[in-house]
C-alpha atoms as a PDB file:
ATOM      1  CA  MET A   1       4.434 -17.771 -15.199  1.00  0.00           C
ATOM      2  CA  ALA A   2       6.669 -16.005 -12.324  1.00  0.00           C
ATOM      3  CA  ALA A   3       5.250 -15.496  -9.013  1.00  0.00           C
ATOM      4  CA  VAL A   4       4.584 -11.971  -8.120  1.00  0.00           C
ATOM      5  CA  THR A   5       6.790 -11.132  -5.021  1.00  0.00           C
ATOM      6  CA  ASP A   6       6.078  -7.194  -4.931  1.00  0.00           C
ATOM      7  CA  ILE A   7       4.667  -4.064  -6.632  1.00  0.00           C
ATOM      8  CA  THR A   8       6.674  -1.310  -8.137  1.00  0.00           C
ATOM      9  CA  TRP A   9       6.010   2.328  -7.079  1.00  0.00           C
ATOM     10  CA  GLN A  10       4.434   3.118 -10.514  1.00  0.00           C
ATOM     11  CA  GLN A  11       1.735   0.105  -9.648  1.00  0.00           C
ATOM     12  CA  LEU A  12       1.100   1.958  -6.522  1.00  0.00           C
ATOM     13  CA  GLU A  13       0.792   5.298  -7.968  1.00  0.00           C
ATOM     14  CA  THR A  14      -1.298   4.023 -10.851  1.00  0.00           C
ATOM     15  CA  ALA A  15      -3.518   2.341  -8.278  1.00  0.00           C
ATOM     16  CA  SER A  16      -3.947   5.545  -6.218  1.00  0.00           C
ATOM     17  CA  GLY A  17      -5.271   7.347  -9.056  1.00  0.00           C
ATOM     18  CA  LEU A  18      -3.310  10.538  -8.087  1.00  0.00           C
ATOM     19  CA  SER A  19       0.056  11.946  -8.916  1.00  0.00           C
ATOM     20  CA  LEU A  20       1.566  10.793  -5.929  1.00  0.00           C
ATOM     21  CA  ILE A  21       4.982  10.123  -6.360  1.00  0.00           C
ATOM     22  CA  SER A  22       7.906  11.933  -8.015  1.00  0.00           C
ATOM     23  CA  SER A  23      11.675  11.662  -7.706  1.00  0.00           C
ATOM     24  CA  ASP A  24      14.720  13.864  -7.197  1.00  0.00           C
ATOM     25  CA  ALA A  25      18.562  13.256  -6.807  1.00  0.00           C
ATOM     26  CA  SER A  26      17.967  11.926  -3.396  1.00  0.00           C
ATOM     27  CA  GLY A  27      15.271   9.185  -4.707  1.00  0.00           C
ATOM     28  CA  LEU A  28      11.517   8.681  -4.642  1.00  0.00           C
ATOM     29  CA  ILE A  29       9.115  11.213  -2.923  1.00  0.00           C
ATOM     30  CA  ILE A  30       5.546  10.108  -1.765  1.00  0.00           C
ATOM     31  CA  LYS A  31       3.544  13.299  -1.945  1.00  0.00           C
ATOM     32  CA  ILE A  32       1.425  13.056   1.360  1.00  0.00           C
ATOM     33  CA  SER A  33      -0.422  16.404   0.351  1.00  0.00           C
ATOM     34  CA  ALA A  34      -1.756  14.689  -2.717  1.00  0.00           C
ATOM     35  CA  LEU A  35      -2.561  11.383  -1.045  1.00  0.00           C
ATOM     36  CA  THR A  36      -4.699  13.082   1.960  1.00  0.00           C
ATOM     37  CA  GLY A  37      -5.823  16.177   0.556  1.00  0.00           C
ATOM     38  CA  ASN A  38      -4.350  18.375   3.134  1.00  0.00           C
ATOM     39  CA  ASN A  39      -1.615  20.621   2.381  1.00  0.00           C
ATOM     40  CA  THR A  40       0.975  18.803   4.752  1.00  0.00           C
ATOM     41  CA  THR A  41       4.426  20.955   4.953  1.00  0.00           C
ATOM     42  CA  ASP A  42       5.141  20.425   8.405  1.00  0.00           C
ATOM     43  CA  LYS A  43       6.518  17.101  10.023  1.00  0.00           C
ATOM     44  CA  ASN A  44       5.073  18.021  13.225  1.00  0.00           C
ATOM     45  CA  THR A  45       1.480  17.693  11.545  1.00  0.00           C
ATOM     46  CA  SER A  46      -0.524  14.577  12.312  1.00  0.00           C
ATOM     47  CA  GLY A  47      -1.899  12.724   9.729  1.00  0.00           C
ATOM     48  CA  VAL A  48       0.273   9.475   9.682  1.00  0.00           C
ATOM     49  CA  ILE A  49      -2.637   7.160  10.117  1.00  0.00           C
ATOM     50  CA  GLU A  50      -4.675   8.671   7.273  1.00  0.00           C
ATOM     51  CA  ALA A  51      -1.656   8.618   4.997  1.00  0.00           C
ATOM     52  CA  LEU A  52      -0.540   4.730   5.824  1.00  0.00           C
ATOM     53  CA  PHE A  53      -4.155   3.621   5.652  1.00  0.00           C
ATOM     54  CA  LYS A  54      -4.383   5.078   1.875  1.00  0.00           C
ATOM     55  CA  LEU A  55      -1.050   4.005   1.156  1.00  0.00           C
ATOM     56  CA  ARG A  56      -2.133   0.288   2.152  1.00  0.00           C
ATOM     57  CA  ASP A  57      -5.534   0.492   0.342  1.00  0.00           C
ATOM     58  CA  SER A  58      -4.083   1.710  -2.698  1.00  0.00           C
ATOM     59  CA  ALA A  59      -1.259  -1.269  -2.672  1.00  0.00           C
ATOM     60  CA  SER A  60      -4.169  -3.709  -2.121  1.00  0.00           C
ATOM     61  CA  THR A  61      -5.489  -2.167  -5.409  1.00  0.00           C
ATOM     62  CA  ALA A  62      -2.238  -2.460  -7.150  1.00  0.00           C
ATOM     63  CA  GLN A  63      -2.085  -5.921  -5.988  1.00  0.00           C
ATOM     64  CA  GLU A  64      -5.260  -6.862  -7.486  1.00  0.00           C
ATOM     65  CA  SER A  65      -4.093  -5.705 -11.099  1.00  0.00           C
ATOM     66  CA  ALA A  66      -0.711  -7.410 -10.497  1.00  0.00           C
ATOM     67  CA  ASN A  67      -2.282 -10.619  -9.808  1.00  0.00           C
ATOM     68  CA  ASP A  68      -4.508 -10.602 -12.945  1.00  0.00           C
ATOM     69  CA  GLY A  69      -4.074 -14.256 -14.730  1.00  0.00           C
ATOM     70  CA  LYS A  70      -1.848 -15.507 -12.205  1.00  0.00           C
ATOM     71  CA  ALA A  71      -2.685 -18.846 -10.855  1.00  0.00           C
ATOM     72  CA  ILE A  72      -2.902 -19.746  -7.282  1.00  0.00           C
ATOM     73  CA  GLY A  73       0.633 -20.184  -5.634  1.00  0.00           C
ATOM     74  CA  GLU A  74       1.958 -17.085  -7.950  1.00  0.00           C
ATOM     75  CA  ARG A  75      -0.235 -14.261  -6.695  1.00  0.00           C
ATOM     76  CA  LEU A  76       0.890 -11.511  -4.395  1.00  0.00           C
ATOM     77  CA  ALA A  77      -1.051 -11.798  -0.922  1.00  0.00           C
ATOM     78  CA  SER A  78       0.440  -9.261   1.121  1.00  0.00           C
ATOM     79  CA  PHE A  79      -2.277  -6.557   1.062  1.00  0.00           C
ATOM     80  CA  PRO A  80      -5.567  -8.386   2.021  1.00  0.00           C
ATOM     81  CA  PRO A  81      -8.814  -6.103   1.471  1.00  0.00           C
ATOM     82  CA  SER A  82      -9.842  -4.212   4.494  1.00  0.00           C
ATOM     83  CA  SER A  83     -12.156  -5.494   6.932  1.00  0.00           C
ATOM     84  CA  SER A  84     -14.941  -2.947   8.417  1.00  0.00           C
ATOM     85  CA  GLY A  85     -17.039  -3.102  11.444  1.00  0.00           C
ATOM     86  CA  THR A  86     -20.476  -1.603  11.989  1.00  0.00           C
ATOM     87  CA  ALA A  87     -21.065   2.107  12.596  1.00  0.00           C
ATOM     88  CA  VAL A  88     -20.617   3.459  16.198  1.00  0.00           C
ATOM     89  CA  ASP A  89     -21.120   7.077  17.052  1.00  0.00           C
ATOM     90  CA  GLY A  90     -20.285   7.918  13.682  1.00  0.00           C
ATOM     91  CA  TYR A  91     -17.421   6.012  12.898  1.00  0.00           C
ATOM     92  CA  VAL A  92     -16.556   2.598  11.428  1.00  0.00           C
ATOM     93  CA  ILE A  93     -13.470   0.656  12.570  1.00  0.00           C
ATOM     94  CA  GLN A  94     -11.579  -0.519   9.577  1.00  0.00           C
ATOM     95  CA  THR A  95      -8.676  -2.950   9.618  1.00  0.00           C
ATOM     96  CA  GLY A  96      -6.112  -3.359   7.127  1.00  0.00           C
ATOM     97  CA  GLN A  97      -3.103  -5.725   6.980  1.00  0.00           C
ATOM     98  CA  ILE A  98       0.450  -5.894   5.493  1.00  0.00           C
ATOM     99  CA  VAL A  99       1.817  -9.445   5.302  1.00  0.00           C
ATOM    100  CA  ALA A 100       5.150 -10.087   4.509  1.00  0.00           C
ATOM    101  CA  LYS A 101       7.935 -12.884   5.240  1.00  0.00           C
ATOM    102  CA  THR A 102      10.992 -11.782   6.437  1.00  0.00           C
ATOM    103  CA  PRO A 103      14.265 -13.693   5.808  1.00  0.00           C
ATOM    104  CA  LEU A 104      16.068 -14.835   8.989  1.00  0.00           C
ATOM    105  CA  SER A 105      19.157 -12.708   7.622  1.00  0.00           C
ATOM    106  CA  THR A 106      16.986  -9.630   8.406  1.00  0.00           C
ATOM    107  CA  SER A 107      17.461  -8.414   5.157  1.00  0.00           C
ATOM    108  CA  GLY A 108      15.203  -8.840   1.716  1.00  0.00           C
ATOM    109  CA  LEU A 109      11.649  -8.210   3.263  1.00  0.00           C
ATOM    110  CA  GLY A 110       9.350  -9.539   0.264  1.00  0.00           C
ATOM    111  CA  GLY A 111       5.876 -10.350  -0.359  1.00  0.00           C
ATOM    112  CA  ILE A 112       3.667 -13.652   0.395  1.00  0.00           C
ATOM    113  CA  ASN A 113       1.947 -15.679  -2.346  1.00  0.00           C
ATOM    114  CA  ASN A 114      -1.011 -17.634  -2.120  1.00  0.00           C
END
């Protein structure tokens, strides 16, 4: 089988469980309001951390589905599961990574395999 080297935008949207991505003549549009549950219409509104964390989490879920039935060495390993610490003052610190390989030519960013 061929190695999984990336996921599609459709796989990301399916994994999110939301109607998250649309398109128009300019390209694909990620609906931040759908992702965060906040009606975000102003570019000066905060919320980037939440949106990117949720996108990365959905990408991890999409990666799991894309890797079903793949052998070691063919599975995408760019979105490892998040890790959580213990609760302190009502918050839990969560860490999530995105792991990519970048060619020396600085174009063609891709995922890694395990």
